[in-house]
């Protein structure tokens, strides 16, 4: 919005952003949902916090996991079809919370009957909203490519993987480790270079280094 305002008015403005306001914004959905049926019960007894049997994660026969998010009726029907559960055998209407423990137990036993790979084949290409849960190590071994968080068609972000081929992967040579590993930075690494690029500051003019830290210089009056 600040950039749009600048384009329209020609004037810049200060953008104040902080973690406290950011976390409060991220919590707005569950906070507002507490006033309705989606999140008006105790923790762990609601639709999106593990209380709802068709919005949860289930262990498979081989110790893997499948994630279920079949909220809408058509997705729930596809889930039952994949699990080979007859809708008439359910303990009651799925909206009836008193049936949730029995339904969760049914899903738990059913998912335990097959390894994750078999469930992947069952639900692949369906609308059941049932997907395998992969570990980071599995994703890396499978060649999953890390991408910039936003795709910009005309001005792609910096690439994470090396040899990026399209705008969704970004542009440039990528980074060492391709998003899977990093050497990290020690305190102060590259600090002087960034101060020069971003602020135009130079050691001996705006600051000095003392015991590995930055000390601002007293600015002399030009009057």
Protein backbone atom coordinates (compact mmCIF):
# COMPACT_ATOMS: atom_id res chain seq x y z
CA UNK A 1 0.00 0.00 0.00
CA UNK A 2 2.91 2.33 0.72
CA UNK A 3 4.28 1.75 -2.78
CA UNK A 4 0.86 2.37 -4.34
CA UNK A 5 0.53 5.55 -2.31
CA UNK A 6 3.92 6.73 -3.50
CA UNK A 7 3.00 6.09 -7.13
CA UNK A 8 -0.19 8.13 -6.78
CA UNK A 9 0.98 10.99 -4.59
CA UNK A 10 4.73 11.07 -5.16
CA UNK A 11 5.26 11.05 -1.40
CA UNK A 12 6.84 8.30 0.64
CA UNK A 13 5.87 7.22 4.13
CA UNK A 14 7.22 5.30 7.08
CA UNK A 15 6.16 1.63 7.19
CA UNK A 16 5.97 0.30 10.73
CA UNK A 17 6.00 -3.50 10.88
CA UNK A 18 6.71 -5.66 13.92
CA UNK A 19 6.38 -9.24 15.09
CA UNK A 20 3.72 -8.49 17.71
CA UNK A 21 1.28 -6.99 15.20
CA UNK A 22 2.18 -9.69 12.67
CA UNK A 23 1.43 -12.54 15.06
CA UNK A 24 -1.84 -10.87 16.09
CA UNK A 25 -2.83 -10.67 12.43
CA UNK A 26 -2.02 -14.35 11.85
CA UNK A 27 -4.20 -15.23 14.84
CA UNK A 28 -7.19 -13.26 13.54
CA UNK A 29 -8.85 -16.24 11.83
CA UNK A 30 -9.02 -18.53 14.90
CA UNK A 31 -9.83 -15.55 17.13
CA UNK A 32 -12.85 -14.58 15.04
CA UNK A 33 -13.85 -18.23 14.56
CA UNK A 34 -14.21 -18.59 18.34
CA UNK A 35 -17.50 -16.68 18.03
CA UNK A 36 -18.94 -19.36 15.73
CA UNK A 37 -19.28 -23.14 15.49
CA UNK A 38 -15.87 -23.63 13.87
CA UNK A 39 -13.90 -22.88 17.06
CA UNK A 40 -16.27 -22.34 19.97
CA UNK A 41 -15.29 -25.40 22.00
CA UNK A 42 -12.29 -26.16 24.21
CA UNK A 43 -8.84 -26.67 22.69
CA UNK A 44 -8.63 -29.88 20.67
CA UNK A 45 -12.40 -30.18 20.24
CA UNK A 46 -12.96 -27.97 17.19
CA UNK A 47 -12.95 -28.37 13.43
CA UNK A 48 -9.43 -27.13 12.73
CA UNK A 49 -7.43 -27.96 15.86
CA UNK A 50 -7.43 -31.75 15.82
CA UNK A 51 -10.89 -32.30 17.23
CA UNK A 52 -12.60 -33.03 13.91
CA UNK A 53 -11.95 -36.57 12.58
CA UNK A 54 -11.95 -35.52 8.93
CA UNK A 55 -9.45 -32.70 9.53
CA UNK A 56 -6.56 -34.50 11.19
CA UNK A 57 -3.45 -36.61 10.59
CA UNK A 58 -3.41 -40.41 10.82
CA UNK A 59 -0.58 -42.90 11.19
CA UNK A 60 -0.25 -45.63 8.60
CA UNK A 61 0.83 -49.26 8.90
CA UNK A 62 4.51 -48.49 8.24
CA UNK A 63 4.73 -45.55 10.63
CA UNK A 64 4.08 -42.89 7.99
CA UNK A 65 1.28 -40.36 8.10
CA UNK A 66 -1.60 -39.18 5.93
CA UNK A 67 -3.15 -35.74 6.32
CA UNK A 68 -6.92 -35.40 5.98
CA UNK A 69 -8.73 -32.12 5.30
CA UNK A 70 -12.07 -33.23 3.86
CA UNK A 71 -14.23 -30.41 5.23
CA UNK A 72 -16.75 -30.09 2.40
CA UNK A 73 -19.36 -32.87 1.92
CA UNK A 74 -18.12 -33.86 -1.54
CA UNK A 75 -14.57 -34.20 -0.25
CA UNK A 76 -15.77 -36.24 2.71
CA UNK A 77 -17.65 -38.56 0.35
CA UNK A 78 -14.46 -39.06 -1.68
CA UNK A 79 -12.56 -39.78 1.54
CA UNK A 80 -15.02 -42.49 2.58
CA UNK A 81 -14.84 -44.00 -0.90
CA UNK A 82 -11.06 -44.22 -0.73
CA UNK A 83 -11.18 -45.73 2.74
CA UNK A 84 -13.87 -48.17 1.57
CA UNK A 85 -16.19 -47.11 4.36
CA UNK A 86 -19.90 -47.38 3.70
CA UNK A 87 -21.58 -44.08 4.68
CA UNK A 88 -24.47 -46.04 6.19
CA UNK A 89 -22.02 -47.66 8.65
CA UNK A 90 -21.00 -44.36 10.22
CA UNK A 91 -21.94 -43.80 13.89
CA UNK A 92 -24.21 -40.89 12.90
CA UNK A 93 -24.23 -37.57 11.06
CA UNK A 94 -20.72 -36.22 10.81
CA UNK A 95 -21.82 -32.80 12.10
CA UNK A 96 -22.87 -34.43 15.39
CA UNK A 97 -19.85 -33.92 17.63
CA UNK A 98 -20.90 -36.78 19.90
CA UNK A 99 -19.99 -39.17 17.05
CA UNK A 100 -16.50 -37.73 16.56
CA UNK A 101 -14.62 -40.07 18.96
CA UNK A 102 -16.08 -43.16 17.30
CA UNK A 103 -15.43 -41.77 13.82
CA UNK A 104 -11.85 -40.86 14.72
CA UNK A 105 -11.30 -44.38 16.04
CA UNK A 106 -12.67 -45.82 12.78
CA UNK A 107 -10.36 -43.65 10.68
CA UNK A 108 -7.38 -44.49 12.91
CA UNK A 109 -7.90 -48.26 12.51
CA UNK A 110 -8.52 -47.97 8.78
CA UNK A 111 -5.40 -45.94 8.02
CA UNK A 112 -3.37 -48.37 10.12
CA UNK A 113 -4.35 -51.18 7.75
CA UNK A 114 -2.08 -50.07 4.88
CA UNK A 115 1.36 -48.46 4.46
CA UNK A 116 1.55 -44.85 3.36
CA UNK A 117 2.60 -45.68 -0.21
CA UNK A 118 -0.61 -47.65 -0.76
CA UNK A 119 -2.75 -44.83 0.59
CA UNK A 120 -0.92 -42.45 -1.74
CA UNK A 121 -2.01 -44.58 -4.69
CA UNK A 122 -5.58 -44.78 -3.39
CA UNK A 123 -6.04 -41.03 -3.06
CA UNK A 124 -3.80 -39.76 -5.86
CA UNK A 125 -5.92 -37.79 -8.34
CA UNK A 126 -9.03 -37.77 -6.12
CA UNK A 127 -10.85 -34.90 -4.40
CA UNK A 128 -10.63 -36.52 -0.97
CA UNK A 129 -8.19 -33.89 0.37
CA UNK A 130 -6.07 -36.74 1.70
CA UNK A 131 -2.32 -36.41 1.14
CA UNK A 132 0.89 -38.04 2.39
CA UNK A 133 3.00 -36.25 4.98
CA UNK A 134 6.60 -36.13 3.78
CA UNK A 135 9.63 -35.42 5.90
CA UNK A 136 12.09 -32.75 4.83
CA UNK A 137 14.65 -35.48 4.10
CA UNK A 138 12.18 -37.23 1.78
CA UNK A 139 11.44 -34.02 -0.08
CA UNK A 140 15.13 -33.32 -0.58
CA UNK A 141 15.81 -36.86 -1.81
CA UNK A 142 12.90 -36.61 -4.25
CA UNK A 143 14.30 -33.44 -5.78
CA UNK A 144 11.69 -31.01 -4.47
CA UNK A 145 12.82 -27.53 -5.48
CA UNK A 146 12.69 -24.64 -3.04
CA UNK A 147 11.05 -21.59 -4.61
CA UNK A 148 10.63 -17.90 -3.76
CA UNK A 149 7.52 -17.31 -1.66
CA UNK A 150 6.00 -15.04 -4.33
CA UNK A 151 6.03 -15.52 -8.11
CA UNK A 152 6.55 -12.26 -10.01
CA UNK A 153 6.14 -12.72 -13.77
CA UNK A 154 7.97 -9.60 -14.93
CA UNK A 155 10.47 -9.21 -12.10
CA UNK A 156 11.15 -12.70 -10.67
CA UNK A 157 12.61 -12.93 -7.19
CA UNK A 158 16.09 -14.27 -6.59
CA UNK A 159 16.28 -18.02 -7.19
CA UNK A 160 16.98 -20.45 -4.37
CA UNK A 161 17.84 -23.47 -6.49
CA UNK A 162 20.67 -23.43 -8.99
CA UNK A 163 19.83 -23.43 -12.71
CA UNK A 164 16.32 -22.03 -12.26
CA UNK A 165 14.36 -22.44 -15.49
CA UNK A 166 11.14 -20.47 -15.03
CA UNK A 167 9.83 -17.42 -13.18
CA UNK A 168 8.21 -19.54 -10.47
CA UNK A 169 11.68 -20.77 -9.52
CA UNK A 170 13.11 -17.25 -9.58
CA UNK A 171 16.11 -15.82 -11.38
CA UNK A 172 19.85 -15.83 -10.87
CA UNK A 173 22.41 -18.46 -9.95
CA UNK A 174 20.66 -19.66 -6.80
CA UNK A 175 22.24 -20.07 -3.39
CA UNK A 176 24.71 -22.54 -1.98
CA UNK A 177 22.83 -25.48 -0.51
CA UNK A 178 19.77 -24.76 -2.69
CA UNK A 179 17.61 -24.08 0.35
CA UNK A 180 18.36 -27.37 2.08
CA UNK A 181 21.50 -26.42 3.98
CA UNK A 182 23.29 -23.26 5.03
CA UNK A 183 26.60 -22.45 6.64
CA UNK A 184 24.94 -19.59 8.49
CA UNK A 185 26.54 -16.28 9.34
CA UNK A 186 28.71 -15.27 12.22
CA UNK A 187 27.88 -11.98 13.98
CA UNK A 188 29.09 -9.11 11.86
CA UNK A 189 29.67 -11.07 8.65
CA UNK A 190 28.95 -8.76 5.73
CA UNK A 191 27.70 -6.04 8.03
CA UNK A 192 30.00 -3.29 6.83
CA UNK A 193 29.29 -4.08 3.20
CA UNK A 194 25.52 -3.91 3.75
CA UNK A 195 25.77 -0.65 5.70
CA UNK A 196 27.63 0.80 2.76
CA UNK A 197 25.08 -0.41 0.20
CA UNK A 198 21.93 0.38 2.14
CA UNK A 199 22.89 3.44 4.17
CA UNK A 200 25.99 4.81 2.47
CA UNK A 201 27.82 4.56 5.79
CA UNK A 202 31.57 4.13 6.00
CA UNK A 203 33.85 3.20 8.87
CA UNK A 204 35.59 6.26 10.21
CA UNK A 205 32.75 8.56 9.20
CA UNK A 206 29.46 7.32 10.59
CA UNK A 207 30.79 4.53 12.84
CA UNK A 208 33.79 2.72 14.24
CA UNK A 209 34.31 -0.88 15.27
CA UNK A 210 35.04 -1.67 18.89
CA UNK A 211 35.32 -5.17 20.35
CA UNK A 212 33.62 -6.58 17.28
CA UNK A 213 30.65 -4.21 17.51
CA UNK A 214 29.57 -0.99 15.86
CA UNK A 215 29.86 2.33 17.67
CA UNK A 216 28.15 5.34 16.13
CA UNK A 217 30.25 8.44 15.66
CA UNK A 218 29.12 11.76 16.97
CA UNK A 219 28.01 13.82 14.00
CA UNK A 220 29.79 17.16 13.84
CA UNK A 221 27.66 20.21 13.14
CA UNK A 222 28.20 21.77 9.72
CA UNK A 223 27.30 25.25 10.99
